Amino acid sequence: MKRFAIGFVIVAAAACNKPETDDCRKALENMQHLLGTENISKNGDNEGDVRRCRGGSTKEAVACAIKAQSLDDLRKCDFMKVPTKKPAADGAGSAGSADGK
């Protein structure tokens, strides 16, 4: 019985730091805005990201991502993986090295 109680306390404590769905949506919308990709995906397209946010992010990281004003701010939040550069519009850099190796 003690093991069950200890396990329950650990699970309950971990669940207390999980962000709300609406907060994850706000953080994702801000991230898309900062990346310049807000017009690429529709609201229903990011439900998988919302689930990943709820399962793998803390309330603090999500709150930080909502408040972020730049990509540098967002990187400091430890919220999902933020690319170091904006995605190239023409896909440059995704097809191997320049010397053909």
C-alpha atoms as a PDB file:
ATOM      1  CA  MET A   1       0.000   0.000   0.000  1.00  0.00           C
ATOM      2  CA  LYS A   2       2.889   2.356   0.775  1.00  0.00           C
ATOM      3  CA  ARG A   3       4.324   1.853  -2.725  1.00  0.00           C
ATOM      4  CA  PHE A   4       1.006   2.784  -4.286  1.00  0.00           C
ATOM      5  CA  ALA A   5       0.755   5.922  -2.148  1.00  0.00           C
ATOM      6  CA  ILE A   6       4.312   6.980  -2.981  1.00  0.00           C
ATOM      7  CA  GLY A   7       3.735   6.330  -6.679  1.00  0.00           C
ATOM      8  CA  PHE A   8       0.501   8.300  -6.607  1.00  0.00           C
ATOM      9  CA  VAL A   9       2.215  11.267  -4.931  1.00  0.00           C
ATOM     10  CA  ILE A  10       4.999  11.251  -7.537  1.00  0.00           C
ATOM     11  CA  VAL A  11       2.532  11.082 -10.435  1.00  0.00           C
ATOM     12  CA  ALA A  12       0.317  13.759  -8.899  1.00  0.00           C
ATOM     13  CA  ALA A  13       3.288  16.066  -8.330  1.00  0.00           C
ATOM     14  CA  ALA A  14       4.443  15.632 -11.922  1.00  0.00           C
ATOM     15  CA  ALA A  15       0.948  16.305 -13.244  1.00  0.00           C
ATOM     16  CA  CYS A  16       0.752  19.579 -11.315  1.00  0.00           C
ATOM     17  CA  ASN A  17       3.439  21.108 -13.514  1.00  0.00           C
ATOM     18  CA  LYS A  18       1.776  20.227 -16.820  1.00  0.00           C
ATOM     19  CA  PRO A  19       0.547  23.173 -18.904  1.00  0.00           C
ATOM     20  CA  GLU A  20      -3.070  23.725 -19.890  1.00  0.00           C
ATOM     21  CA  THR A  21      -4.185  23.046 -23.472  1.00  0.00           C
ATOM     22  CA  ASP A  22      -5.009  26.711 -24.162  1.00  0.00           C
ATOM     23  CA  ASP A  23      -1.616  27.809 -22.851  1.00  0.00           C
ATOM     24  CA  CYS A  24       0.112  25.323 -25.163  1.00  0.00           C
ATOM     25  CA  ARG A  25      -1.890  26.687 -28.089  1.00  0.00           C
ATOM     26  CA  LYS A  26      -0.880  30.259 -27.199  1.00  0.00           C
ATOM     27  CA  ALA A  27       2.776  29.262 -26.888  1.00  0.00           C
ATOM     28  CA  LEU A  28       2.681  27.421 -30.220  1.00  0.00           C
ATOM     29  CA  GLU A  29       0.985  30.368 -31.931  1.00  0.00           C
ATOM     30  CA  ASN A  30       3.659  32.719 -30.594  1.00  0.00           C
ATOM     31  CA  MET A  31       6.402  30.326 -31.687  1.00  0.00           C
ATOM     32  CA  GLN A  32       4.893  30.144 -35.197  1.00  0.00           C
ATOM     33  CA  HIS A  33       4.654  33.946 -35.289  1.00  0.00           C
ATOM     34  CA  LEU A  34       8.297  34.347 -34.254  1.00  0.00           C
ATOM     35  CA  LEU A  35       9.370  31.774 -36.855  1.00  0.00           C
ATOM     36  CA  GLY A  36       7.208  33.419 -39.521  1.00  0.00           C
ATOM     37  CA  THR A  37       5.222  30.223 -40.108  1.00  0.00           C
ATOM     38  CA  GLU A  38       1.828  31.242 -38.712  1.00  0.00           C
ATOM     39  CA  ASN A  39       0.212  31.175 -42.179  1.00  0.00           C
ATOM     40  CA  ILE A  40       1.487  27.698 -43.037  1.00  0.00           C
ATOM     41  CA  SER A  41      -0.569  25.584 -40.647  1.00  0.00           C
ATOM     42  CA  LYS A  42      -4.195  25.766 -39.675  1.00  0.00           C
ATOM     43  CA  ASN A  43      -5.532  25.428 -36.113  1.00  0.00           C
ATOM     44  CA  GLY A  44      -6.378  21.736 -36.455  1.00  0.00           C
ATOM     45  CA  ASP A  45      -2.946  20.981 -37.884  1.00  0.00           C
ATOM     46  CA  ASN A  46      -1.150  21.626 -34.610  1.00  0.00           C
ATOM     47  CA  GLU A  47      -3.156  19.385 -32.261  1.00  0.00           C
ATOM     48  CA  GLY A  48      -0.301  16.865 -32.234  1.00  0.00           C
ATOM     49  CA  ASP A  49       2.047  19.649 -31.166  1.00  0.00           C
ATOM     50  CA  VAL A  50      -0.422  20.668 -28.448  1.00  0.00           C
ATOM     51  CA  ARG A  51      -0.425  17.103 -27.098  1.00  0.00           C
ATOM     52  CA  ARG A  52       3.389  17.000 -27.214  1.00  0.00           C
ATOM     53  CA  CYS A  53       3.508  20.334 -25.396  1.00  0.00           C
ATOM     54  CA  ARG A  54       1.173  19.128 -22.648  1.00  0.00           C
ATOM     55  CA  GLY A  55       3.092  15.904 -22.193  1.00  0.00           C
ATOM     56  CA  GLY A  56       6.627  17.204 -22.430  1.00  0.00           C
ATOM     57  CA  SER A  57       6.652  20.844 -21.336  1.00  0.00           C
ATOM     58  CA  THR A  58       6.425  22.531 -17.975  1.00  0.00           C
ATOM     59  CA  LYS A  59       4.094  25.368 -17.075  1.00  0.00           C
ATOM     60  CA  GLU A  60       7.138  27.615 -16.732  1.00  0.00           C
ATOM     61  CA  ALA A  61       8.468  26.796 -20.209  1.00  0.00           C
ATOM     62  CA  VAL A  62       5.057  27.394 -21.775  1.00  0.00           C
ATOM     63  CA  ALA A  63       4.563  30.701 -19.932  1.00  0.00           C
ATOM     64  CA  CYS A  64       8.022  31.769 -21.092  1.00  0.00           C
ATOM     65  CA  ALA A  65       7.203  30.818 -24.709  1.00  0.00           C
ATOM     66  CA  ILE A  66       3.963  32.804 -24.581  1.00  0.00           C
ATOM     67  CA  LYS A  67       5.878  35.919 -23.433  1.00  0.00           C
ATOM     68  CA  ALA A  68       8.839  35.511 -25.829  1.00  0.00           C
ATOM     69  CA  GLN A  69       9.410  38.523 -28.077  1.00  0.00           C
ATOM     70  CA  SER A  70      12.214  37.052 -30.204  1.00  0.00           C
ATOM     71  CA  LEU A  71      13.655  33.699 -31.232  1.00  0.00           C
ATOM     72  CA  ASP A  72      16.472  34.239 -28.735  1.00  0.00           C
ATOM     73  CA  ASP A  73      13.878  34.682 -25.974  1.00  0.00           C
ATOM     74  CA  LEU A  74      12.112  31.534 -27.153  1.00  0.00           C
ATOM     75  CA  ARG A  75      15.319  29.478 -27.157  1.00  0.00           C
ATOM     76  CA  LYS A  76      15.887  30.393 -23.498  1.00  0.00           C
ATOM     77  CA  CYS A  77      12.482  28.919 -22.596  1.00  0.00           C
ATOM     78  CA  ASP A  78      13.395  25.271 -23.205  1.00  0.00           C
ATOM     79  CA  PHE A  79      10.105  24.986 -25.115  1.00  0.00           C
ATOM     80  CA  MET A  80      10.129  22.344 -27.831  1.00  0.00           C
ATOM     81  CA  LYS A  81      13.020  22.579 -30.304  1.00  0.00           C
ATOM     82  CA  VAL A  82      13.526  26.015 -31.800  1.00  0.00           C
ATOM     83  CA  PRO A  83      15.697  26.099 -34.930  1.00  0.00           C
ATOM     84  CA  THR A  84      18.813  28.244 -34.838  1.00  0.00           C
ATOM     85  CA  LYS A  85      17.793  29.942 -38.094  1.00  0.00           C
ATOM     86  CA  LYS A  86      14.511  30.614 -39.850  1.00  0.00           C
ATOM     87  CA  PRO A  87      13.629  27.880 -42.363  1.00  0.00           C
ATOM     88  CA  ALA A  88      14.889  28.678 -45.872  1.00  0.00           C
ATOM     89  CA  ALA A  89      12.050  29.415 -48.286  1.00  0.00           C
ATOM     90  CA  ASP A  90      13.776  27.618 -51.160  1.00  0.00           C
ATOM     91  CA  GLY A  91      14.956  24.614 -49.140  1.00  0.00           C
ATOM     92  CA  ALA A  92      18.606  25.627 -49.512  1.00  0.00           C
ATOM     93  CA  GLY A  93      20.998  23.688 -47.361  1.00  0.00           C
ATOM     94  CA  SER A  94      18.877  20.576 -47.102  1.00  0.00           C
ATOM     95  CA  ALA A  95      20.505  18.611 -49.924  1.00  0.00           C
ATOM     96  CA  GLY A  96      23.983  17.573 -48.841  1.00  0.00           C
ATOM     97  CA  SER A  97      27.176  19.554 -48.959  1.00  0.00           C
ATOM     98  CA  ALA A  98      28.360  21.951 -51.641  1.00  0.00           C
ATOM     99  CA  ASP A  99      31.268  19.723 -52.717  1.00  0.00           C
ATOM    100  CA  GLY A 100      28.952  16.799 -53.557  1.00  0.00           C
ATOM    101  CA  LYS A 101      30.257  14.455 -50.848  1.00  0.00           C
END
